[in-house]
Protein backbone atom coordinates (compact mmCIF):
# COMPACT_ATOMS: atom_id res chain seq x y z
CA UNK A 1 60.92 -55.83 28.80
CA UNK A 2 58.56 -52.88 27.15
CA UNK A 3 56.10 -54.41 24.41
CA UNK A 4 56.31 -51.58 21.68
CA UNK A 5 53.07 -49.83 20.85
CA UNK A 6 51.13 -51.41 17.78
CA UNK A 7 48.33 -49.22 16.53
CA UNK A 8 44.98 -50.51 16.39
CA UNK A 9 42.79 -50.03 13.37
CA UNK A 10 40.49 -48.14 15.20
CA UNK A 11 43.62 -45.45 15.65
CA UNK A 12 44.54 -45.96 11.81
CA UNK A 13 41.18 -44.62 10.55
CA UNK A 14 41.10 -41.85 12.48
CA UNK A 15 44.21 -40.63 11.40
CA UNK A 16 43.72 -41.40 8.11
CA UNK A 17 40.14 -39.64 8.41
CA UNK A 18 42.07 -36.64 9.86
CA UNK A 19 44.48 -36.37 7.36
CA UNK A 20 41.84 -36.68 4.51
CA UNK A 21 39.63 -33.71 6.31
CA UNK A 22 43.07 -31.59 6.42
CA UNK A 23 44.03 -32.10 2.82
CA UNK A 24 39.79 -31.42 1.59
CA UNK A 25 40.09 -28.51 3.65
CA UNK A 26 43.51 -26.74 1.75
CA UNK A 27 42.20 -28.03 -1.78
CA UNK A 28 38.79 -26.43 -1.23
CA UNK A 29 38.80 -22.36 -1.14
CA UNK A 30 36.91 -21.36 2.38
CA UNK A 31 33.62 -19.62 1.40
CA UNK A 32 33.48 -15.63 1.07
CA UNK A 33 32.13 -13.95 3.52
CA UNK A 34 28.39 -12.50 3.17
CA UNK A 35 28.20 -9.02 2.05
CA UNK A 36 27.05 -6.44 4.66
CA UNK A 37 24.03 -4.45 3.86
CA UNK A 38 24.99 -1.10 3.01
CA UNK A 39 23.90 1.87 5.50
CA UNK A 40 21.44 3.92 3.99
CA UNK A 41 22.42 6.93 2.14
CA UNK A 42 20.21 9.63 3.73
CA UNK A 43 21.40 12.46 0.83
CA UNK A 44 20.48 10.17 -1.93
CA UNK A 45 16.73 9.41 0.15
CA UNK A 46 16.09 12.86 0.23
CA UNK A 47 16.89 13.48 -3.74
CA UNK A 48 14.13 10.22 -4.64
CA UNK A 49 11.89 12.29 -2.22
CA UNK A 50 12.10 15.30 -4.36
CA UNK A 51 11.80 13.49 -7.29
CA UNK A 52 8.29 11.64 -5.85
CA UNK A 53 7.22 15.19 -5.48
CA UNK A 54 8.32 16.41 -8.45
CA UNK A 55 5.98 13.60 -9.74
CA UNK A 56 3.22 14.43 -7.83
CA UNK A 57 3.20 18.31 -9.07
CA UNK A 58 3.56 16.83 -12.91
CA UNK A 59 0.38 14.63 -12.49
CA UNK A 60 -1.37 17.79 -10.83
CA UNK A 61 -0.06 19.73 -14.02
CA UNK A 62 -1.49 16.99 -16.23
CA UNK A 63 -4.91 17.76 -15.26
CA UNK A 64 -4.79 21.20 -16.85
CA UNK A 65 -3.46 20.15 -19.73
CA UNK A 66 -6.26 20.10 -22.47
CA UNK A 67 -8.84 22.03 -20.45
CA UNK A 68 -10.18 24.98 -21.96
CA UNK A 69 -11.12 28.25 -20.06
CA UNK A 70 -14.76 27.65 -21.79
CA UNK A 71 -14.70 23.99 -19.99
CA UNK A 72 -14.94 25.69 -16.42
CA UNK A 73 -18.34 27.80 -17.69
CA UNK A 74 -20.14 24.70 -18.90
CA UNK A 75 -22.15 22.56 -17.02
CA UNK A 76 -20.34 20.96 -14.31
CA UNK A 77 -16.66 21.72 -15.46
CA UNK A 78 -15.29 22.55 -12.23
CA UNK A 79 -16.62 19.47 -11.15
CA UNK A 80 -15.52 17.53 -13.60
CA UNK A 81 -11.49 19.10 -13.85
CA UNK A 82 -11.47 18.38 -9.91
CA UNK A 83 -12.30 14.81 -10.77
CA UNK A 84 -9.64 14.91 -13.20
CA UNK A 85 -6.89 16.48 -10.65
CA UNK A 86 -8.10 14.05 -7.78
CA UNK A 87 -7.96 11.36 -10.43
CA UNK A 88 -4.59 11.86 -11.73
CA UNK A 89 -2.62 12.59 -8.02
CA UNK A 90 -4.60 10.00 -6.02
CA UNK A 91 -3.52 7.36 -8.82
CA UNK A 92 -0.10 8.55 -8.34
CA UNK A 93 0.09 8.86 -4.98
CA UNK A 94 -1.17 5.33 -4.74
CA UNK A 95 1.71 3.93 -7.15
CA UNK A 96 4.00 5.32 -4.84
CA UNK A 97 2.64 4.09 -1.61
CA UNK A 98 2.82 0.62 -3.31
CA UNK A 99 6.15 1.20 -4.54
CA UNK A 100 7.46 1.82 -0.88
CA UNK A 101 6.86 -1.61 0.28
CA UNK A 102 7.84 -3.42 -2.72
CA UNK A 103 10.96 -4.60 -1.23
CA UNK A 104 12.79 -3.47 -4.24
CA UNK A 105 16.80 -4.32 -2.82
CA UNK A 106 18.17 -1.32 -4.47
CA UNK A 107 15.37 1.08 -2.44
CA UNK A 108 16.45 -0.40 0.77
CA UNK A 109 19.61 -0.45 0.80
CA UNK A 110 19.65 3.39 -0.22
CA UNK A 111 16.68 4.48 1.61
CA UNK A 112 16.16 1.99 4.47
CA UNK A 113 13.45 -0.26 5.44
CA UNK A 114 12.57 1.58 8.68
CA UNK A 115 12.74 4.99 6.69
CA UNK A 116 10.48 3.15 3.44
CA UNK A 117 7.54 1.96 6.37
CA UNK A 118 7.78 4.99 7.49
CA UNK A 119 6.96 7.45 4.38
CA UNK A 120 4.49 4.27 3.58
CA UNK A 121 2.42 5.37 6.88
CA UNK A 122 3.03 8.57 6.10
CA UNK A 123 1.24 8.73 2.31
CA UNK A 124 -1.29 6.21 4.28
CA UNK A 125 -5.15 6.66 3.63
CA UNK A 126 -4.16 9.84 1.32
CA UNK A 127 -4.41 8.05 -1.68
CA UNK A 128 -7.80 6.92 -0.89
CA UNK A 129 -9.11 9.48 0.30
CA UNK A 130 -8.54 11.49 -2.89
CA UNK A 131 -9.48 8.73 -5.07
CA UNK A 132 -12.90 9.07 -3.23
CA UNK A 133 -12.56 12.56 -3.85
CA UNK A 134 -12.17 11.91 -7.47
CA UNK A 135 -15.56 9.63 -7.60
CA UNK A 136 -17.84 11.97 -5.90
CA UNK A 137 -16.29 14.83 -8.32
CA UNK A 138 -16.87 13.09 -11.40
CA UNK A 139 -20.22 12.01 -10.98
CA UNK A 140 -21.33 15.61 -9.95
CA UNK A 141 -20.07 16.75 -13.20
CA UNK A 142 -21.54 14.53 -15.20
CA UNK A 143 -24.78 14.84 -13.20
CA UNK A 144 -24.77 18.13 -13.31
CA UNK A 145 -23.94 18.22 -17.23
CA UNK A 146 -27.21 15.98 -17.97
CA UNK A 147 -29.05 17.46 -15.59
CA UNK A 148 -29.76 14.32 -13.52
CA UNK A 149 -29.43 13.14 -9.67
CA UNK A 150 -26.08 12.12 -8.52
CA UNK A 151 -27.57 8.33 -7.63
CA UNK A 152 -29.00 8.59 -11.23
CA UNK A 153 -25.84 9.60 -12.58
CA UNK A 154 -24.00 6.76 -10.56
CA UNK A 155 -26.48 4.00 -11.86
CA UNK A 156 -25.56 5.63 -15.50
CA UNK A 157 -22.24 4.76 -15.31
CA UNK A 158 -22.35 1.43 -13.52
CA UNK A 159 -24.69 0.36 -16.34
CA UNK A 160 -23.88 2.09 -19.83
CA UNK A 161 -20.26 2.53 -19.13
CA UNK A 162 -18.59 -0.91 -19.27
CA UNK A 163 -14.95 0.15 -18.00
CA UNK A 164 -16.79 1.73 -14.53
CA UNK A 165 -17.98 -1.39 -13.36
CA UNK A 166 -14.65 -2.41 -13.25
CA UNK A 167 -13.35 1.11 -12.09
CA UNK A 168 -16.10 0.26 -9.01
CA UNK A 169 -14.74 -2.65 -7.77
CA UNK A 170 -11.16 -1.48 -7.93
CA UNK A 171 -12.47 0.99 -5.73
CA UNK A 172 -14.20 -1.46 -3.43
CA UNK A 173 -10.96 -3.22 -2.99
CA UNK A 174 -9.12 0.00 -2.12
CA UNK A 175 -11.68 0.79 0.20
CA UNK A 176 -11.44 -2.85 1.75
CA UNK A 177 -7.52 -2.40 2.27
CA UNK A 178 -7.71 0.94 3.50
CA UNK A 179 -10.00 0.19 6.51
CA UNK A 180 -8.48 -2.88 7.50
CA UNK A 181 -5.01 -0.86 7.43
CA UNK A 182 -6.13 1.21 10.31
CA UNK A 183 -4.54 0.40 13.92
CA UNK A 184 -8.14 0.22 15.62
CA UNK A 185 -8.92 -2.71 13.26
CA UNK A 186 -5.68 -4.33 12.07
CA UNK A 187 -5.22 -5.20 15.99
CA UNK A 188 -8.47 -7.54 16.01
CA UNK A 189 -7.62 -9.48 13.04
CA UNK A 190 -5.14 -12.42 12.56
CA UNK A 191 -1.41 -10.96 10.78
CA UNK A 192 -2.35 -13.76 7.90
CA UNK A 193 -5.91 -12.34 7.44
CA UNK A 194 -5.10 -8.90 7.08
CA UNK A 195 -1.93 -9.65 4.77
CA UNK A 196 -4.16 -11.29 2.32
CA UNK A 197 -6.89 -8.77 2.40
CA UNK A 198 -4.19 -6.24 2.11
CA UNK A 199 -3.31 -8.03 -1.33
CA UNK A 200 -6.52 -6.55 -2.48
CA UNK A 201 -4.45 -3.53 -2.69
CA UNK A 202 -2.39 -4.64 -5.60
CA UNK A 203 -5.45 -6.52 -7.37
CA UNK A 204 -7.18 -2.79 -7.42
CA UNK A 205 -4.31 -0.83 -8.64
CA UNK A 206 -4.29 -3.80 -11.40
CA UNK A 207 -8.05 -3.22 -12.24
CA UNK A 208 -7.65 0.42 -12.12
CA UNK A 209 -5.13 0.40 -15.06
CA UNK A 210 -6.98 -2.05 -17.08
CA UNK A 211 -9.99 0.15 -17.63
């Protein structure tokens, strides 16, 4: 005589769990697949590059606004004009350089991270060099107008112009960030240290606009 099969409590529990799992999976909607990252759009990226170039031309043009012909013939006029020109263009390039690595989603989707990093490296040290020229030209212009030496005029800026102390600190931080970005120097630093120093670039940008 064959004994009929009687399911054990373990089998019953396993079957109920399987039925509950099937019911829950049917009741809950499946998660939507993640949206794939958009491919870069070269045409829009090139258009943005053109817009950035136009902005640079506008910043250069602003140096001529309010600059009279007589100011060029005055003492230190050409140096002062060159200081305004390099100051406006250098600041504009500095903003562009920072904007390229701010990880804006729409910008990365349009241009592509690889191209943004390439542009950032291409701009590279140009803003720092141009702003350094701005410091030299402005100091020379005021020194020639006041008939004093370069160092004497620079010390006058620090001592008697409240905003110039902040600007000097900003420039020092900018140079520090630029020096640590040189490949040979960067290879000798830990990434965490380099990144912490690189953040001073943002502080320098804030200080330059607070003066």
